[in-house]
Amino acid sequence: MSKNESSKKTTWEKLNSAAAQETTEPESTTKEEATTQKTESSAQKLTHPSYEALEEQLAKTEAQLEQHKSTLIYQRAEMENIKRRSQQDIEKAHKFSLEKFIRDLLPVKDNLERALELTQGTNNDPTLKGIELTLQAFQKVLENNGVETIAPAAGDAFDPNYHQAMSMQATSEQKPNTILLSPQKGYLLQGRLIRPAAVIVAKAPEKNS
């Protein structure tokens, strides 16, 4: 190999070595910068709120939870009350849906009973027998629909909750405020008064001066 060729080879190797160093230095610098940024980012991530701030946030969250819990309990209780009232209204409507109809039928029953009273003592009368059987069937239908009869007897105490005083009659045969006579029966529907019994009430006789 000639001297000139050797010199060219050496110069070429020097140029390649310098280029390699220049390429390595930016890469090394870039890696160092990336490592620095990563360290700074990690330091930022490791920054936490103070213990007092965490306690305050926890207390607020617990208070909100209790408020929501109380609201839920109140709403649930209110729904139960609405459901119970609705059920009671339905039951009441079912119980007393026939009240007006029964009220309209009661005068018919009164007339049948008066007819029997007027024909007492008549024997072997087919008409009387038919009225009696009709009245018995009528009474059975009323009982099956929750109707009870109020039929006070003479001497029973007067009860304003179930009796309506038509008049008062002075007498010494019975105690005052007792029933002398009941011209019309009263009736209950499912335990509720739909018509009081009409009665005449005894009172003490006036003393002569």
Protein backbone atom coordinates (compact mmCIF):
# COMPACT_ATOMS: atom_id res chain seq x y z
CA MET A 1 0.00 0.00 0.00
CA SER A 2 1.34 3.39 -0.95
CA LYS A 3 1.85 6.19 1.48
CA ASN A 4 -0.93 8.30 -0.04
CA GLU A 5 -3.46 5.48 0.25
CA SER A 6 -2.52 4.92 3.88
CA SER A 7 -2.97 8.59 4.62
CA LYS A 8 -6.42 8.65 3.00
CA LYS A 9 -7.49 5.60 5.03
CA THR A 10 -6.44 7.22 8.27
CA THR A 11 -8.29 10.40 7.46
CA TRP A 12 -11.46 8.45 6.59
CA GLU A 13 -11.37 6.55 9.87
CA LYS A 14 -11.00 9.81 11.79
CA LEU A 15 -14.05 11.28 10.03
CA ASN A 16 -16.14 8.18 10.78
CA SER A 17 -15.11 8.25 14.45
CA ALA A 18 -16.05 11.93 14.79
CA ALA A 19 -19.44 11.33 13.15
CA ALA A 20 -20.13 8.44 15.49
CA GLN A 21 -19.34 10.60 18.52
CA GLU A 22 -21.64 13.38 17.29
CA THR A 23 -24.48 10.88 16.78
CA THR A 24 -24.01 9.31 20.21
CA GLU A 25 -23.94 12.59 22.13
CA PRO A 26 -27.49 13.80 21.07
CA GLU A 27 -28.90 10.36 21.80
CA SER A 28 -27.33 10.39 25.22
CA THR A 29 -28.60 13.93 25.80
CA THR A 30 -32.13 12.94 24.72
CA LYS A 31 -32.13 9.96 27.09
CA GLU A 32 -31.00 12.16 29.97
CA GLU A 33 -33.75 14.71 29.24
CA ALA A 34 -36.39 11.94 29.09
CA THR A 35 -35.15 10.54 32.39
CA THR A 36 -35.33 13.99 33.97
CA GLN A 37 -38.91 14.55 32.69
CA LYS A 38 -39.96 11.13 33.93
CA THR A 39 -38.53 11.86 37.37
CA GLU A 40 -40.32 15.20 37.51
CA SER A 41 -43.61 13.58 36.43
CA SER A 42 -43.22 10.91 39.10
CA ALA A 43 -42.59 13.58 41.69
CA GLN A 44 -45.79 15.34 40.64
CA LYS A 45 -47.78 12.10 40.88
CA LEU A 46 -46.47 11.46 44.37
CA THR A 47 -47.88 14.77 45.57
CA HIS A 48 -50.97 14.00 47.80
CA PRO A 49 -53.52 16.26 49.56
CA SER A 50 -53.03 16.82 53.24
CA TYR A 51 -54.54 14.54 55.90
CA GLU A 52 -56.85 17.33 57.10
CA ALA A 53 -58.22 17.81 53.58
CA LEU A 54 -58.91 14.09 53.30
CA GLU A 55 -60.73 14.10 56.66
CA GLU A 56 -62.83 17.08 55.58
CA GLN A 57 -63.78 15.43 52.30
CA LEU A 58 -64.65 12.20 54.10
CA ALA A 59 -66.88 14.07 56.57
CA LYS A 60 -68.72 15.80 53.71
CA THR A 61 -69.23 12.49 51.92
CA GLU A 62 -70.59 10.84 55.09
CA ALA A 63 -72.97 13.77 55.69
CA GLN A 64 -74.29 13.53 52.13
CA LEU A 65 -74.71 9.79 52.53
CA GLU A 66 -76.72 10.23 55.75
CA GLN A 67 -78.90 12.86 54.09
CA HIS A 68 -79.63 10.58 51.14
CA LYS A 69 -80.32 7.71 53.53
CA SER A 70 -82.80 9.81 55.56
CA THR A 71 -84.53 10.97 52.38
CA LEU A 72 -84.83 7.39 51.16
CA ILE A 73 -86.28 6.21 54.49
CA TYR A 74 -88.81 9.07 54.50
CA GLN A 75 -89.86 8.39 50.91
CA ARG A 76 -90.22 4.68 51.63
CA ALA A 77 -92.38 5.39 54.72
CA GLU A 78 -94.50 7.83 52.72
CA MET A 79 -95.03 5.23 49.99
CA GLU A 80 -96.08 2.69 52.61
CA ASN A 81 -98.59 5.17 54.07
CA ILE A 82 -100.02 5.92 50.63
CA LYS A 83 -100.28 2.22 49.90
CA ARG A 84 -102.01 1.54 53.24
CA ARG A 85 -104.47 4.43 52.80
CA SER A 86 -105.26 3.32 49.27
CA GLN A 87 -105.88 -0.22 50.48
CA GLN A 88 -108.16 1.07 53.24
CA ASP A 89 -110.08 3.22 50.76
CA ILE A 90 -110.54 0.25 48.46
CA GLU A 91 -111.74 -1.96 51.31
CA LYS A 92 -114.10 0.76 52.54
CA ALA A 93 -115.48 1.34 49.06
CA HIS A 94 -116.03 -2.40 48.67
CA LYS A 95 -117.74 -2.66 52.06
CA PHE A 96 -120.08 0.27 51.64
CA SER A 97 -120.67 0.23 47.90
CA LEU A 98 -124.16 -1.20 48.53
CA GLU A 99 -125.13 1.35 51.18
CA LYS A 100 -127.38 3.50 48.98
CA PHE A 101 -128.98 0.45 47.38
CA ILE A 102 -129.76 -1.07 50.78
CA ARG A 103 -131.12 2.23 52.07
CA ASP A 104 -133.55 2.26 49.14
CA LEU A 105 -134.65 -1.31 49.93
CA LEU A 106 -135.32 -0.77 53.62
CA PRO A 107 -138.76 0.90 53.11
CA VAL A 108 -139.80 -2.16 51.12
CA LYS A 109 -138.89 -4.38 54.06
CA ASP A 110 -140.77 -2.02 56.40
CA ASN A 111 -143.93 -2.40 54.31
CA LEU A 112 -143.67 -6.19 54.29
CA GLU A 113 -143.34 -6.22 58.08
CA ARG A 114 -146.35 -3.90 58.47
CA ALA A 115 -148.37 -6.14 56.20
CA LEU A 116 -147.62 -9.12 58.43
CA GLU A 117 -148.54 -7.14 61.56
CA LEU A 118 -151.88 -6.10 60.06
CA THR A 119 -152.77 -9.66 59.08
CA GLN A 120 -151.94 -11.30 62.40
CA GLY A 121 -154.59 -13.79 63.44
CA THR A 122 -155.42 -14.75 59.87
CA ASN A 123 -155.00 -18.50 59.45
CA ASN A 124 -154.30 -20.46 56.27
CA ASP A 125 -154.03 -17.34 54.11
CA PRO A 126 -151.83 -18.08 51.07
CA THR A 127 -151.13 -14.36 50.59
CA LEU A 128 -149.94 -14.04 54.18
CA LYS A 129 -147.74 -17.09 53.78
CA GLY A 130 -146.22 -15.63 50.61
CA ILE A 131 -145.44 -12.33 52.34
CA GLU A 132 -143.83 -14.19 55.23
CA LEU A 133 -141.61 -16.24 52.93
CA THR A 134 -140.67 -13.15 50.92
CA LEU A 135 -139.72 -11.30 54.10
CA GLN A 136 -137.58 -14.22 55.27
CA ALA A 137 -135.73 -14.32 51.94
CA PHE A 138 -135.30 -10.53 52.05
CA GLN A 139 -133.80 -10.72 55.54
CA LYS A 140 -131.42 -13.49 54.47
CA VAL A 141 -130.13 -11.42 51.54
CA LEU A 142 -129.50 -8.45 53.81
CA GLU A 143 -127.61 -10.57 56.33
CA ASN A 144 -125.45 -12.10 53.58
CA ASN A 145 -124.41 -8.57 52.57
CA GLY A 146 -123.36 -7.53 56.08
CA VAL A 147 -126.60 -5.89 57.22
CA GLU A 148 -127.57 -6.17 60.91
CA THR A 149 -130.96 -5.28 62.34
CA ILE A 150 -131.44 -2.96 65.31
CA ALA A 151 -134.71 -3.95 66.98
CA PRO A 152 -134.88 -2.51 70.51
CA ALA A 153 -137.46 -4.01 72.82
CA ALA A 154 -139.61 -2.23 75.41
CA GLY A 155 -137.55 -1.54 78.51
CA ASP A 156 -134.19 -1.34 76.74
CA ALA A 157 -132.06 1.68 77.57
CA PHE A 158 -132.16 4.51 75.09
CA ASP A 159 -128.89 4.75 73.12
CA PRO A 160 -128.51 7.88 70.98
CA ASN A 161 -125.81 6.14 68.93
CA TYR A 162 -128.36 3.66 67.55
CA HIS A 163 -131.79 5.07 68.42
CA GLN A 164 -133.66 8.14 67.23
CA ALA A 165 -136.23 9.45 69.71
CA MET A 166 -139.47 10.32 67.92
CA SER A 167 -141.14 11.50 71.11
CA MET A 168 -141.06 11.14 74.89
CA GLN A 169 -143.98 9.82 76.88
CA ALA A 170 -144.54 10.24 80.59
CA THR A 171 -145.14 6.94 82.34
CA SER A 172 -144.67 5.31 85.71
CA GLU A 173 -144.55 1.80 84.26
CA GLN A 174 -140.98 2.08 83.02
CA LYS A 175 -137.85 3.87 84.08
CA PRO A 176 -137.04 7.21 82.47
CA ASN A 177 -134.84 7.09 79.36
CA THR A 178 -135.93 3.59 78.47
CA ILE A 179 -137.76 2.57 75.33
CA LEU A 180 -141.54 2.27 75.38
CA LEU A 181 -142.06 1.39 71.73
CA SER A 182 -140.05 1.04 68.51
CA PRO A 183 -142.21 1.79 65.46
CA GLN A 184 -139.32 1.31 63.01
CA LYS A 185 -136.21 -0.89 63.08
CA GLY A 186 -132.71 0.38 62.53
CA TYR A 187 -129.88 -1.16 60.52
CA LEU A 188 -126.09 -1.42 60.44
CA LEU A 189 -123.96 -2.11 57.37
CA GLN A 190 -120.61 -3.72 58.15
CA GLY A 191 -120.91 -2.29 61.68
CA ARG A 192 -121.68 1.26 60.51
CA LEU A 193 -125.07 2.82 61.22
CA ILE A 194 -127.10 3.44 58.05
CA ARG A 195 -130.45 4.02 59.78
CA PRO A 196 -131.20 4.45 63.50
CA ALA A 197 -134.17 2.72 65.06
CA ALA A 198 -137.13 5.05 65.62
CA VAL A 199 -138.23 4.85 69.25
CA ILE A 200 -140.56 6.41 71.79
CA VAL A 201 -138.76 7.09 75.06
CA ALA A 202 -140.22 6.98 78.57
CA LYS A 203 -139.91 9.90 80.92
CA ALA A 204 -140.90 10.41 84.53
CA PRO A 205 -144.49 11.63 85.07
CA GLU A 206 -144.93 15.20 86.17
CA LYS A 207 -145.68 15.66 89.87
CA ASN A 208 -148.95 17.34 90.75
CA SER A 209 -148.57 20.58 92.66
